[in-house]
Amino acid sequence: MTRGKKPVAAIAEAKKFAERMGYRWQENSHPDLAYDLFIFKPGAACIVRVRQTRYRIDPDTIYENLIPDDLREVRSLPFPPWIPREIWLRTQHERAWRRLRVHDLSVGELEWWGPDDYTNPHAR
């Protein structure tokens, strides 16, 4: 997933997605850091890495196996541990985002995140 060009079109769509949830965003100006956007609004801030894959994502997917490099890079970012980190993942054929909250030892797919009024159409 980390090979190839940066997903420029997906990042542009992610900016609009963040704005719909009330966030403002700032692009990463340091190419050596493995994130695409810093999103923020009163009471919330998050580091976001945007990824797109060609393949359908199985409902029982283990994200540690699907995107191990992305997870390792996001976990190693030099930000305070209290700043949440997410990977926004989408396939070419699904127009909805999967928001993955990255923790030190696990990854959780956000089903609904109250402050954002976000509903994940892929959640069971």
PDB file of N, CA and C in Angstrom:
ATOM      1  N   MET A   1       0.817  -1.192   0.000  1.00  0.00           N
ATOM      2  CA  MET A   1       0.000   0.000   0.000  1.00  0.00           C
ATOM      3  C   MET A   1       0.862   1.257   0.000  1.00  0.00           C
ATOM      4  N   THR A   2       2.064   1.206   0.517  1.00  0.00           N
ATOM      5  CA  THR A   2       2.860   2.428   0.576  1.00  0.00           C
ATOM      6  C   THR A   2       3.662   2.645  -0.696  1.00  0.00           C
ATOM      7  N   ARG A   3       3.629   1.687  -1.613  1.00  0.00           N
ATOM      8  CA  ARG A   3       4.368   1.853  -2.854  1.00  0.00           C
ATOM      9  C   ARG A   3       3.566   2.720  -3.823  1.00  0.00           C
ATOM     10  N   GLY A   4       4.276   3.291  -4.778  1.00  0.00           N
ATOM     11  CA  GLY A   4       3.590   4.066  -5.807  1.00  0.00           C
ATOM     12  C   GLY A   4       3.445   5.527  -5.449  1.00  0.00           C
ATOM     13  N   LYS A   5       2.671   6.195  -6.290  1.00  0.00           N
ATOM     14  CA  LYS A   5       2.467   7.627  -6.124  1.00  0.00           C
ATOM     15  C   LYS A   5       1.556   7.922  -4.939  1.00  0.00           C
ATOM     16  N   LYS A   6       1.676   9.120  -4.442  1.00  0.00           N
ATOM     17  CA  LYS A   6       0.788   9.592  -3.384  1.00  0.00           C
ATOM     18  C   LYS A   6      -0.625   9.697  -3.950  1.00  0.00           C
ATOM     19  N   PRO A   7      -1.641   9.277  -3.210  1.00  0.00           N
ATOM     20  CA  PRO A   7      -3.013   9.312  -3.735  1.00  0.00           C
ATOM     21  C   PRO A   7      -3.585  10.733  -3.734  1.00  0.00           C
ATOM     22  N   VAL A   8      -3.151  11.537  -4.673  1.00  0.00           N
ATOM     23  CA  VAL A   8      -3.491  12.963  -4.712  1.00  0.00           C
ATOM     24  C   VAL A   8      -5.001  13.184  -4.783  1.00  0.00           C
ATOM     25  N   ALA A   9      -5.688  12.454  -5.640  1.00  0.00           N
ATOM     26  CA  ALA A   9      -7.141  12.633  -5.776  1.00  0.00           C
ATOM     27  C   ALA A   9      -7.848  12.213  -4.491  1.00  0.00           C
ATOM     28  N   ALA A  10      -7.401  11.130  -3.885  1.00  0.00           N
ATOM     29  CA  ALA A  10      -8.015  10.662  -2.633  1.00  0.00           C
ATOM     30  C   ALA A  10      -7.771  11.671  -1.509  1.00  0.00           C
ATOM     31  N   ILE A  11      -6.610  12.283  -1.477  1.00  0.00           N
ATOM     32  CA  ILE A  11      -6.319  13.297  -0.452  1.00  0.00           C
ATOM     33  C   ILE A  11      -7.232  14.507  -0.642  1.00  0.00           C
ATOM     34  N   ALA A  12      -7.451  14.914  -1.888  1.00  0.00           N
ATOM     35  CA  ALA A  12      -8.361  16.038  -2.151  1.00  0.00           C
ATOM     36  C   ALA A  12      -9.775  15.704  -1.678  1.00  0.00           C
ATOM     37  N   GLU A  13     -10.219  14.471  -1.903  1.00  0.00           N
ATOM     38  CA  GLU A  13     -11.539  14.060  -1.433  1.00  0.00           C
ATOM     39  C   GLU A  13     -11.576  13.960   0.089  1.00  0.00           C
ATOM     40  N   ALA A  14     -10.469  13.541   0.694  1.00  0.00           N
ATOM     41  CA  ALA A  14     -10.401  13.453   2.151  1.00  0.00           C
ATOM     42  C   ALA A  14     -10.526  14.840   2.783  1.00  0.00           C
ATOM     43  N   LYS A  15      -9.974  15.845   2.145  1.00  0.00           N
ATOM     44  CA  LYS A  15     -10.106  17.215   2.647  1.00  0.00           C
ATOM     45  C   LYS A  15     -11.575  17.633   2.682  1.00  0.00           C
ATOM     46  N   LYS A  16     -12.304  17.321   1.621  1.00  0.00           N
ATOM     47  CA  LYS A  16     -13.726  17.657   1.569  1.00  0.00           C
ATOM     48  C   LYS A  16     -14.505  16.869   2.622  1.00  0.00           C
ATOM     49  N   PHE A  17     -14.140  15.614   2.797  1.00  0.00           N
ATOM     50  CA  PHE A  17     -14.770  14.755   3.805  1.00  0.00           C
ATOM     51  C   PHE A  17     -14.554  15.343   5.197  1.00  0.00           C
ATOM     52  N   ALA A  18     -13.330  15.787   5.478  1.00  0.00           N
ATOM     53  CA  ALA A  18     -13.024  16.398   6.772  1.00  0.00           C
ATOM     54  C   ALA A  18     -13.832  17.682   6.971  1.00  0.00           C
ATOM     55  N   GLU A  19     -13.945  18.481   5.933  1.00  0.00           N
ATOM     56  CA  GLU A  19     -14.708  19.726   6.024  1.00  0.00           C
ATOM     57  C   GLU A  19     -16.187  19.461   6.320  1.00  0.00           C
ATOM     58  N   ARG A  20     -16.741  18.392   5.726  1.00  0.00           N
ATOM     59  CA  ARG A  20     -18.146  18.044   5.994  1.00  0.00           C
ATOM     60  C   ARG A  20     -18.358  17.670   7.461  1.00  0.00           C
ATOM     61  N   MET A  21     -17.308  17.195   8.122  1.00  0.00           N
ATOM     62  CA  MET A  21     -17.403  16.848   9.547  1.00  0.00           C
ATOM     63  C   MET A  21     -17.034  18.038  10.436  1.00  0.00           C
ATOM     64  N   GLY A  22     -16.805  19.198   9.834  1.00  0.00           N
ATOM     65  CA  GLY A  22     -16.521  20.398  10.603  1.00  0.00           C
ATOM     66  C   GLY A  22     -15.059  20.650  10.896  1.00  0.00           C
ATOM     67  N   TYR A  23     -14.178  19.885  10.288  1.00  0.00           N
ATOM     68  CA  TYR A  23     -12.747  20.061  10.516  1.00  0.00           C
ATOM     69  C   TYR A  23     -12.159  21.081   9.553  1.00  0.00           C
ATOM     70  N   ARG A  24     -11.100  21.690   9.979  1.00  0.00           N
ATOM     71  CA  ARG A  24     -10.208  22.435   9.097  1.00  0.00           C
ATOM     72  C   ARG A  24      -9.002  21.532   8.932  1.00  0.00           C
ATOM     73  N   TRP A  25      -8.223  21.728   7.914  1.00  0.00           N
ATOM     74  CA  TRP A  25      -7.106  20.829   7.664  1.00  0.00           C
ATOM     75  C   TRP A  25      -5.857  21.605   7.271  1.00  0.00           C
ATOM     76  N   GLN A  26      -4.750  20.957   7.486  1.00  0.00           N
ATOM     77  CA  GLN A  26      -3.462  21.489   7.059  1.00  0.00           C
ATOM     78  C   GLN A  26      -2.686  20.339   6.440  1.00  0.00           C
ATOM     79  N   GLU A  27      -2.183  20.542   5.236  1.00  0.00           N
ATOM     80  CA  GLU A  27      -1.408  19.493   4.572  1.00  0.00           C
ATOM     81  C   GLU A  27      -0.043  19.345   5.226  1.00  0.00           C
ATOM     82  N   ASN A  28       0.503  18.167   5.113  1.00  0.00           N
ATOM     83  CA  ASN A  28       1.841  17.897   5.616  1.00  0.00           C
ATOM     84  C   ASN A  28       2.861  18.562   4.700  1.00  0.00           C
ATOM     85  N   SER A  29       3.670  19.427   5.244  1.00  0.00           N
ATOM     86  CA  SER A  29       4.700  20.105   4.448  1.00  0.00           C
ATOM     87  C   SER A  29       6.077  19.469   4.621  1.00  0.00           C
ATOM     88  N   HIS A  30       6.126  18.344   5.330  1.00  0.00           N
ATOM     89  CA  HIS A  30       7.383  17.626   5.558  1.00  0.00           C
ATOM     90  C   HIS A  30       7.285  16.245   4.912  1.00  0.00           C
ATOM     91  N   PRO A  31       7.829  16.065   3.722  1.00  0.00           N
ATOM     92  CA  PRO A  31       7.673  14.798   3.015  1.00  0.00           C
ATOM     93  C   PRO A  31       8.281  13.601   3.734  1.00  0.00           C
ATOM     94  N   ASP A  32       9.152  13.829   4.693  1.00  0.00           N
ATOM     95  CA  ASP A  32       9.746  12.713   5.424  1.00  0.00           C
ATOM     96  C   ASP A  32       8.828  12.171   6.530  1.00  0.00           C
ATOM     97  N   LEU A  33       7.722  12.854   6.810  1.00  0.00           N
ATOM     98  CA  LEU A  33       6.763  12.397   7.811  1.00  0.00           C
ATOM     99  C   LEU A  33       5.602  11.684   7.120  1.00  0.00           C
ATOM    100  N   ALA A  34       5.209  10.538   7.642  1.00  0.00           N
ATOM    101  CA  ALA A  34       4.248   9.652   6.985  1.00  0.00           C
ATOM    102  C   ALA A  34       2.801   9.979   7.333  1.00  0.00           C
ATOM    103  N   TYR A  35       2.370  11.196   7.033  1.00  0.00           N
ATOM    104  CA  TYR A  35       0.959  11.533   7.159  1.00  0.00           C
ATOM    105  C   TYR A  35       0.614  12.535   6.064  1.00  0.00           C
ATOM    106  N   ASP A  36      -0.681  12.666   5.799  1.00  0.00           N
ATOM    107  CA  ASP A  36      -1.116  13.552   4.722  1.00  0.00           C
ATOM    108  C   ASP A  36      -1.782  14.824   5.217  1.00  0.00           C
ATOM    109  N   LEU A  37      -2.587  14.706   6.286  1.00  0.00           N
ATOM    110  CA  LEU A  37      -3.335  15.856   6.789  1.00  0.00           C
ATOM    111  C   LEU A  37      -3.293  15.921   8.308  1.00  0.00           C
ATOM    112  N   PHE A  38      -3.293  17.129   8.808  1.00  0.00           N
ATOM    113  CA  PHE A  38      -3.545  17.375  10.219  1.00  0.00           C
ATOM    114  C   PHE A  38      -4.902  18.051  10.236  1.00  0.00           C
ATOM    115  N   ILE A  39      -5.904  17.400  10.845  1.00  0.00           N
ATOM    116  CA  ILE A  39      -7.249  17.971  10.884  1.00  0.00           C
ATOM    117  C   ILE A  39      -7.549  18.437  12.299  1.00  0.00           C
ATOM    118  N   PHE A  40      -8.303  19.529  12.404  1.00  0.00           N
ATOM    119  CA  PHE A  40      -8.565  20.088  13.727  1.00  0.00           C
ATOM    120  C   PHE A  40      -9.858  20.891  13.717  1.00  0.00           C
ATOM    121  N   LYS A  41     -10.469  20.965  14.874  1.00  0.00           N
ATOM    122  CA  LYS A  41     -11.626  21.814  15.148  1.00  0.00           C
ATOM    123  C   LYS A  41     -11.655  21.985  16.658  1.00  0.00           C
ATOM    124  N   PRO A  42     -12.455  22.899  17.187  1.00  0.00           N
ATOM    125  CA  PRO A  42     -12.477  23.082  18.636  1.00  0.00           C
ATOM    126  C   PRO A  42     -12.769  21.761  19.357  1.00  0.00           C
ATOM    127  N   GLY A  43     -11.873  21.384  20.220  1.00  0.00           N
ATOM    128  CA  GLY A  43     -12.056  20.174  21.007  1.00  0.00           C
ATOM    129  C   GLY A  43     -11.568  18.891  20.370  1.00  0.00           C
ATOM    130  N   ALA A  44     -11.017  18.955  19.156  1.00  0.00           N
ATOM    131  CA  ALA A  44     -10.553  17.732  18.494  1.00  0.00           C
ATOM    132  C   ALA A  44      -9.440  18.044  17.502  1.00  0.00           C
ATOM    133  N   ALA A  45      -8.506  17.120  17.405  1.00  0.00           N
ATOM    134  CA  ALA A  45      -7.427  17.205  16.420  1.00  0.00           C
ATOM    135  C   ALA A  45      -6.981  15.790  16.118  1.00  0.00           C
ATOM    136  N   CYS A  46      -6.447  15.584  14.921  1.00  0.00           N
ATOM    137  CA  CYS A  46      -6.059  14.234  14.517  1.00  0.00           C
ATOM    138  C   CYS A  46      -5.055  14.303  13.369  1.00  0.00           C
ATOM    139  N   ILE A  47      -4.154  13.334  13.344  1.00  0.00           N
ATOM    140  CA  ILE A  47      -3.223  13.151  12.243  1.00  0.00           C
ATOM    141  C   ILE A  47      -3.841  12.103  11.327  1.00  0.00           C
ATOM    142  N   VAL A  48      -3.884  12.369  10.008  1.00  0.00           N
ATOM    143  CA  VAL A  48      -4.548  11.460   9.076  1.00  0.00           C
ATOM    144  C   VAL A  48      -3.604  11.059   7.947  1.00  0.00           C
ATOM    145  N   ARG A  49      -3.574   9.772   7.685  1.00  0.00           N
ATOM    146  CA  ARG A  49      -2.895   9.259   6.497  1.00  0.00           C
ATOM    147  C   ARG A  49      -3.982   8.716   5.575  1.00  0.00           C
ATOM    148  N   VAL A  50      -3.938   9.071   4.306  1.00  0.00           N
ATOM    149  CA  VAL A  50      -4.965   8.674   3.341  1.00  0.00           C
ATOM    150  C   VAL A  50      -4.405   7.570   2.456  1.00  0.00           C
ATOM    151  N   ARG A  51      -5.186   6.517   2.305  1.00  0.00           N
ATOM    152  CA  ARG A  51      -4.772   5.405   1.461  1.00  0.00           C
ATOM    153  C   ARG A  51      -5.941   4.924   0.619  1.00  0.00           C
ATOM    154  N   GLN A  52      -5.610   4.449  -0.572  1.00  0.00           N
ATOM    155  CA  GLN A  52      -6.611   3.892  -1.472  1.00  0.00           C
ATOM    156  C   GLN A  52      -6.068   2.562  -1.990  1.00  0.00           C
ATOM    157  N   THR A  53      -6.948   1.583  -2.097  1.00  0.00           N
ATOM    158  CA  THR A  53      -6.559   0.288  -2.621  1.00  0.00           C
ATOM    159  C   THR A  53      -7.502  -0.108  -3.748  1.00  0.00           C
ATOM    160  N   ARG A  54      -7.034  -0.910  -4.655  1.00  0.00           N
ATOM    161  CA  ARG A  54      -7.860  -1.364  -5.765  1.00  0.00           C
ATOM    162  C   ARG A  54      -8.819  -2.468  -5.346  1.00  0.00           C
ATOM    163  N   TYR A  55      -8.425  -3.189  -4.330  1.00  0.00           N
ATOM    164  CA  TYR A  55      -9.122  -4.418  -3.993  1.00  0.00           C
ATOM    165  C   TYR A  55     -10.214  -4.212  -2.961  1.00  0.00           C
ATOM    166  N   ARG A  56     -11.248  -5.026  -3.066  1.00  0.00           N
ATOM    167  CA  ARG A  56     -12.345  -5.025  -2.108  1.00  0.00           C
ATOM    168  C   ARG A  56     -11.792  -5.424  -0.741  1.00  0.00           C
ATOM    169  N   ILE A  57     -12.311  -4.809   0.301  1.00  0.00           N
ATOM    170  CA  ILE A  57     -11.864  -5.109   1.662  1.00  0.00           C
ATOM    171  C   ILE A  57     -12.891  -6.026   2.306  1.00  0.00           C
ATOM    172  N   ASP A  58     -12.469  -7.199   2.666  1.00  0.00           N
ATOM    173  CA  ASP A  58     -13.334  -8.190   3.301  1.00  0.00           C
ATOM    174  C   ASP A  58     -13.791  -7.675   4.667  1.00  0.00           C
ATOM    175  N   PRO A  59     -15.039  -7.945   5.063  1.00  0.00           N
ATOM    176  CA  PRO A  59     -15.515  -7.469   6.372  1.00  0.00           C
ATOM    177  C   PRO A  59     -14.702  -8.010   7.555  1.00  0.00           C
ATOM    178  N   ASP A  60     -14.060  -9.155   7.373  1.00  0.00           N
ATOM    179  CA  ASP A  60     -13.267  -9.748   8.448  1.00  0.00           C
ATOM    180  C   ASP A  60     -11.769  -9.476   8.295  1.00  0.00           C
ATOM    181  N   THR A  61     -11.437  -8.460   7.539  1.00  0.00           N
ATOM    182  CA  THR A  61     -10.036  -8.126   7.287  1.00  0.00           C
ATOM    183  C   THR A  61      -9.311  -7.774   8.581  1.00  0.00           C
ATOM    184  N   ILE A  62      -8.108  -8.278   8.693  1.00  0.00           N
ATOM    185  CA  ILE A  62      -7.221  -7.889   9.790  1.00  0.00           C
ATOM    186  C   ILE A  62      -6.298  -6.817   9.218  1.00  0.00           C
ATOM    187  N   TYR A  63      -6.492  -5.596   9.661  1.00  0.00           N
ATOM    188  CA  TYR A  63      -5.762  -4.470   9.081  1.00  0.00           C
ATOM    189  C   TYR A  63      -4.261  -4.562   9.318  1.00  0.00           C
ATOM    190  N   GLU A  64      -3.854  -5.233  10.384  1.00  0.00           N
ATOM    191  CA  GLU A  64      -2.418  -5.427  10.635  1.00  0.00           C
ATOM    192  C   GLU A  64      -1.772  -6.214   9.492  1.00  0.00           C
ATOM    193  N   ASN A  65      -2.543  -7.074   8.822  1.00  0.00           N
ATOM    194  CA  ASN A  65      -2.033  -7.844   7.689  1.00  0.00           C
ATOM    195  C   ASN A  65      -2.197  -7.100   6.373  1.00  0.00           C
ATOM    196  N   LEU A  66      -3.235  -6.272   6.253  1.00  0.00           N
ATOM    197  CA  LEU A  66      -3.526  -5.565   5.012  1.00  0.00           C
ATOM    198  C   LEU A  66      -2.577  -4.388   4.769  1.00  0.00           C
ATOM    199  N   ILE A  67      -2.321  -3.588   5.809  1.00  0.00           N
ATOM    200  CA  ILE A  67      -1.503  -2.374   5.642  1.00  0.00           C
ATOM    201  C   ILE A  67      -0.429  -2.267   6.738  1.00  0.00           C
ATOM    202  N   PRO A  68       0.415  -3.282   6.877  1.00  0.00           N
ATOM    203  CA  PRO A  68       1.398  -3.262   7.979  1.00  0.00           C
ATOM    204  C   PRO A  68       2.389  -2.101   7.900  1.00  0.00           C
ATOM    205  N   ASP A  69       2.830  -1.745   6.705  1.00  0.00           N
ATOM    206  CA  ASP A  69       3.806  -0.654   6.561  1.00  0.00           C
ATOM    207  C   ASP A  69       3.197   0.687   6.955  1.00  0.00           C
ATOM    208  N   ASP A  70       1.977   0.932   6.504  1.00  0.00           N
ATOM    209  CA  ASP A  70       1.299   2.181   6.846  1.00  0.00           C
ATOM    210  C   ASP A  70       1.108   2.287   8.359  1.00  0.00           C
ATOM    211  N   LEU A  71       0.696   1.212   8.979  1.00  0.00           N
ATOM    212  CA  LEU A  71       0.477   1.230  10.430  1.00  0.00           C
ATOM    213  C   LEU A  71       1.778   1.488  11.178  1.00  0.00           C
ATOM    214  N   ARG A  72       2.840   0.830  10.760  1.00  0.00           N
ATOM    215  CA  ARG A  72       4.138   1.030  11.418  1.00  0.00           C
ATOM    216  C   ARG A  72       4.595   2.485  11.283  1.00  0.00           C
ATOM    217  N   GLU A  73       4.434   3.056  10.090  1.00  0.00           N
ATOM    218  CA  GLU A  73       4.873   4.431   9.861  1.00  0.00           C
ATOM    219  C   GLU A  73       4.030   5.435  10.642  1.00  0.00           C
ATOM    220  N   VAL A  74       2.724   5.224  10.696  1.00  0.00           N
ATOM    221  CA  VAL A  74       1.849   6.138  11.437  1.00  0.00           C
ATOM    222  C   VAL A  74       2.147   6.049  12.936  1.00  0.00           C
ATOM    223  N   ARG A  75       2.384   4.847  13.430  1.00  0.00           N
ATOM    224  CA  ARG A  75       2.703   4.684  14.857  1.00  0.00           C
ATOM    225  C   ARG A  75       4.027   5.348  15.229  1.00  0.00           C
ATOM    226  N   SER A  76       4.935   5.440  14.280  1.00  0.00           N
ATOM    227  CA  SER A  76       6.260   5.992  14.589  1.00  0.00           C
ATOM    228  C   SER A  76       6.353   7.510  14.379  1.00  0.00           C
ATOM    229  N   LEU A  77       5.252   8.164  14.050  1.00  0.00           N
ATOM    230  CA  LEU A  77       5.281   9.618  13.850  1.00  0.00           C
ATOM    231  C   LEU A  77       5.699  10.341  15.130  1.00  0.00           C
ATOM    232  N   PRO A  78       6.508  11.395  15.006  1.00  0.00           N
ATOM    233  CA  PRO A  78       7.025  12.106  16.179  1.00  0.00           C
ATOM    234  C   PRO A  78       6.051  13.150  16.734  1.00  0.00           C
ATOM    235  N   PHE A  79       4.858  12.697  17.107  1.00  0.00           N
ATOM    236  CA  PHE A  79       3.862  13.561  17.720  1.00  0.00           C
ATOM    237  C   PHE A  79       3.574  13.043  19.121  1.00  0.00           C
ATOM    238  N   PRO A  80       3.083  13.898  19.988  1.00  0.00           N
ATOM    239  CA  PRO A  80       2.743  13.428  21.337  1.00  0.00           C
ATOM    240  C   PRO A  80       1.736  12.282  21.260  1.00  0.00           C
ATOM    241  N   PRO A  81       1.820  11.345  22.182  1.00  0.00           N
ATOM    242  CA  PRO A  81       0.935  10.171  22.126  1.00  0.00           C
ATOM    243  C   PRO A  81      -0.546  10.498  22.291  1.00  0.00           C
ATOM    244  N   TRP A  82      -0.877  11.665  22.830  1.00  0.00           N
ATOM    245  CA  TRP A  82      -2.278  12.011  23.023  1.00  0.00           C
ATOM    246  C   TRP A  82      -2.953  12.544  21.760  1.00  0.00           C
ATOM    247  N   ILE A  83      -2.193  12.765  20.691  1.00  0.00           N
ATOM    248  CA  ILE A  83      -2.796  13.175  19.415  1.00  0.00           C
ATOM    249  C   ILE A  83      -3.208  11.911  18.661  1.00  0.00           C
ATOM    250  N   PRO A  84      -4.517  11.742  18.411  1.00  0.00           N
ATOM    251  CA  PRO A  84      -4.983  10.542  17.706  1.00  0.00           C
ATOM    252  C   PRO A  84      -4.417  10.466  16.293  1.00  0.00           C
ATOM    253  N   ARG A  85      -4.260   9.242  15.844  1.00  0.00           N
ATOM    254  CA  ARG A  85      -3.765   8.981  14.489  1.00  0.00           C
ATOM    255  C   ARG A  85      -4.776   8.100  13.781  1.00  0.00           C
ATOM    256  N   GLU A  86      -5.076   8.443  12.538  1.00  0.00           N
ATOM    257  CA  GLU A  86      -6.033   7.657  11.771  1.00  0.00           C
ATOM    258  C   GLU A  86      -5.499   7.402  10.376  1.00  0.00           C
ATOM    259  N   ILE A  87      -5.958   6.304   9.804  1.00  0.00           N
ATOM    260  CA  ILE A  87      -5.759   6.028   8.391  1.00  0.00           C
ATOM    261  C   ILE A  87      -7.146   6.020   7.776  1.00  0.00           C
ATOM    262  N   TRP A  88      -7.320   6.844   6.762  1.00  0.00           N
ATOM    263  CA  TRP A  88      -8.582   6.862   6.037  1.00  0.00           C
ATOM    264  C   TRP A  88      -8.353   6.037   4.787  1.00  0.00           C
ATOM    265  N   LEU A  89      -9.084   4.937   4.701  1.00  0.00           N
ATOM    266  CA  LEU A  89      -8.860   3.940   3.660  1.00  0.00           C
ATOM    267  C   LEU A  89     -10.101   3.811   2.790  1.00  0.00           C
ATOM    268  N   ARG A  90      -9.864   3.704   1.490  1.00  0.00           N
ATOM    269  CA  ARG A  90     -10.972   3.559   0.557  1.00  0.00           C
ATOM    270  C   ARG A  90     -10.540   2.688  -0.609  1.00  0.00           C
ATOM    271  N   THR A  91     -11.485   1.937  -1.174  1.00  0.00           N
ATOM    272  CA  THR A  91     -11.187   1.174  -2.379  1.00  0.00           C
ATOM    273  C   THR A  91     -11.591   2.001  -3.590  1.00  0.00           C
ATOM    274  N   GLN A  92     -11.163   1.564  -4.751  1.00  0.00           N
ATOM    275  CA  GLN A  92     -11.500   2.299  -5.973  1.00  0.00           C
ATOM    276  C   GLN A  92     -12.996   2.269  -6.255  1.00  0.00           C
ATOM    277  N   HIS A  93     -13.676   1.192  -5.851  1.00  0.00           N
ATOM    278  CA  HIS A  93     -15.074   1.023  -6.219  1.00  0.00           C
ATOM    279  C   HIS A  93     -16.048   1.422  -5.122  1.00  0.00           C
ATOM    280  N   GLU A  94     -15.573   1.626  -3.905  1.00  0.00           N
ATOM    281  CA  GLU A  94     -16.425   2.089  -2.813  1.00  0.00           C
ATOM    282  C   GLU A  94     -16.153   3.573  -2.613  1.00  0.00           C
ATOM    283  N   ARG A  95     -17.186   4.346  -2.543  1.00  0.00           N
ATOM    284  CA  ARG A  95     -16.997   5.782  -2.405  1.00  0.00           C
ATOM    285  C   ARG A  95     -16.980   6.228  -0.950  1.00  0.00           C
ATOM    286  N   ALA A  96     -17.150   5.294  -0.032  1.00  0.00           N
ATOM    287  CA  ALA A  96     -17.155   5.630   1.392  1.00  0.00           C
ATOM    288  C   ALA A  96     -15.773   5.396   1.992  1.00  0.00           C
ATOM    289  N   TRP A  97     -15.460   6.166   3.020  1.00  0.00           N
ATOM    290  CA  TRP A  97     -14.190   6.034   3.715  1.00  0.00           C
ATOM    291  C   TRP A  97     -14.321   5.051   4.864  1.00  0.00           C
ATOM    292  N   ARG A  98     -13.262   4.335   5.122  1.00  0.00           N
ATOM    293  CA  ARG A  98     -13.132   3.527   6.335  1.00  0.00           C
ATOM    294  C   ARG A  98     -12.134   4.277   7.208  1.00  0.00           C
ATOM    295  N   ARG A  99     -12.597   4.680   8.372  1.00  0.00           N
ATOM    296  CA  ARG A  99     -11.719   5.421   9.284  1.00  0.00           C
ATOM    297  C   ARG A  99     -11.133   4.431  10.274  1.00  0.00           C
ATOM    298  N   LEU A 100      -9.832   4.291  10.239  1.00  0.00           N
ATOM    299  CA  LEU A 100      -9.137   3.368  11.124  1.00  0.00           C
ATOM    300  C   LEU A 100      -8.384   4.161  12.176  1.00  0.00           C
ATOM    301  N   ARG A 101      -8.728   3.995  13.429  1.00  0.00           N
ATOM    302  CA  ARG A 101      -8.012   4.653  14.531  1.00  0.00           C
ATOM    303  C   ARG A 101      -6.837   3.765  14.907  1.00  0.00           C
ATOM    304  N   VAL A 102      -5.648   4.312  14.834  1.00  0.00           N
ATOM    305  CA  VAL A 102      -4.426   3.555  15.069  1.00  0.00           C
ATOM    306  C   VAL A 102      -3.961   3.776  16.504  1.00  0.00           C
ATOM    307  N   HIS A 103      -3.856   2.684  17.241  1.00  0.00           N
ATOM    308  CA  HIS A 103      -3.349   2.701  18.613  1.00  0.00           C
ATOM    309  C   HIS A 103      -1.994   2.002  18.628  1.00  0.00           C
ATOM    310  N   ASP A 104      -1.304   2.056  19.760  1.00  0.00           N
ATOM    311  CA  ASP A 104       0.009   1.413  19.850  1.00  0.00           C
ATOM    312  C   ASP A 104      -0.033  -0.079  19.538  1.00  0.00           C
ATOM    313  N   LEU A 105      -1.041  -0.763  20.049  1.00  0.00           N
ATOM    314  CA  LEU A 105      -1.088  -2.215  19.907  1.00  0.00           C
ATOM    315  C   LEU A 105      -2.276  -2.729  19.097  1.00  0.00           C
ATOM    316  N   SER A 106      -3.106  -1.843  18.603  1.00  0.00           N
ATOM    317  CA  SER A 106      -4.288  -2.299  17.873  1.00  0.00           C
ATOM    318  C   SER A 106      -4.748  -1.257  16.859  1.00  0.00           C
ATOM    319  N   VAL A 107      -5.710  -1.678  16.045  1.00  0.00           N
ATOM    320  CA  VAL A 107      -6.349  -0.793  15.068  1.00  0.00           C
ATOM    321  C   VAL A 107      -7.847  -1.009  15.210  1.00  0.00           C
ATOM    322  N   GLY A 108      -8.591   0.078  15.321  1.00  0.00           N
ATOM    323  CA  GLY A 108     -10.033  -0.031  15.421  1.00  0.00           C
ATOM    324  C   GLY A 108     -10.702   0.731  14.300  1.00  0.00           C
ATOM    325  N   GLU A 109     -11.699   0.106  13.695  1.00  0.00           N
ATOM    326  CA  GLU A 109     -12.460   0.785  12.657  1.00  0.00           C
ATOM    327  C   GLU A 109     -13.584   1.557  13.323  1.00  0.00           C
ATOM    328  N   LEU A 110     -13.628   2.868  13.087  1.00  0.00           N
ATOM    329  CA  LEU A 110     -14.644   3.701  13.704  1.00  0.00           C
ATOM    330  C   LEU A 110     -15.992   3.418  13.067  1.00  0.00           C
ATOM    331  N   GLU A 111     -16.942   3.038  13.883  1.00  0.00           N
ATOM    332  CA  GLU A 111     -18.283   2.797  13.365  1.00  0.00           C
ATOM    333  C   GLU A 111     -19.073   4.089  13.381  1.00  0.00           C
ATOM    334  N   TRP A 112     -19.037   4.772  14.498  1.00  0.00           N
ATOM    335  CA  TRP A 112     -19.692   6.066  14.622  1.00  0.00           C
ATOM    336  C   TRP A 112     -18.883   6.885  15.609  1.00  0.00           C
ATOM    337  N   TRP A 113     -18.596   8.096  15.249  1.00  0.00           N
ATOM    338  CA  TRP A 113     -17.777   8.952  16.103  1.00  0.00           C
ATOM    339  C   TRP A 113     -18.606  10.187  16.414  1.00  0.00           C
ATOM    340  N   GLY A 114     -19.146  10.245  17.620  1.00  0.00           N
ATOM    341  CA  GLY A 114     -20.090  11.267  18.026  1.00  0.00           C
ATOM    342  C   GLY A 114     -19.825  12.679  17.565  1.00  0.00           C
ATOM    343  N   PRO A 115     -18.672  13.263  17.878  1.00  0.00           N
ATOM    344  CA  PRO A 115     -18.458  14.667  17.520  1.00  0.00           C
ATOM    345  C   PRO A 115     -18.493  14.923  16.019  1.00  0.00           C
ATOM    346  N   ASP A 116     -18.219  13.893  15.230  1.00  0.00           N
ATOM    347  CA  ASP A 116     -18.154  14.075  13.781  1.00  0.00           C
ATOM    348  C   ASP A 116     -19.457  13.723  13.086  1.00  0.00           C
ATOM    349  N   ASP A 117     -20.396  13.120  13.799  1.00  0.00           N
ATOM    350  CA  ASP A 117     -21.622  12.611  13.179  1.00  0.00           C
ATOM    351  C   ASP A 117     -21.290  11.699  11.998  1.00  0.00           C
ATOM    352  N   TYR A 118     -20.278  10.877  12.170  1.00  0.00           N
ATOM    353  CA  TYR A 118     -19.823   9.976  11.129  1.00  0.00           C
ATOM    354  C   TYR A 118     -20.442   8.609  11.297  1.00  0.00           C
ATOM    355  N   THR A 119     -21.022   8.072  10.238  1.00  0.00           N
ATOM    356  CA  THR A 119     -21.533   6.714  10.249  1.00  0.00           C
ATOM    357  C   THR A 119     -20.793   5.923   9.190  1.00  0.00           C
ATOM    358  N   ASN A 120     -20.207   4.816   9.578  1.00  0.00           N
ATOM    359  CA  ASN A 120     -19.460   3.974   8.669  1.00  0.00           C
ATOM    360  C   ASN A 120     -20.419   2.990   8.009  1.00  0.00           C
ATOM    361  N   PRO A 121     -20.619   3.074   6.695  1.00  0.00           N
ATOM    362  CA  PRO A 121     -21.546   2.170   6.033  1.00  0.00           C
ATOM    363  C   PRO A 121     -21.057   0.733   5.998  1.00  0.00           C
ATOM    364  N   HIS A 122     -19.795   0.502   6.312  1.00  0.00           N
ATOM    365  CA  HIS A 122     -19.239  -0.849   6.299  1.00  0.00           C
ATOM    366  C   HIS A 122     -19.345  -1.540   7.646  1.00  0.00           C
ATOM    367  N   ALA A 123     -19.722  -0.809   8.683  1.00  0.00           N
ATOM    368  CA  ALA A 123     -19.782  -1.397  10.024  1.00  0.00           C
ATOM    369  C   ALA A 123     -20.936  -2.385  10.116  1.00  0.00           C
ATOM    370  N   ARG A 124     -20.684  -3.426  10.896  1.00  0.00           N
ATOM    371  CA  ARG A 124     -21.730  -4.435  11.078  1.00  0.00           C
ATOM    372  C   ARG A 124     -22.607  -4.089  12.226  1.00  0.00           C
TER     373      ARG A 124
END
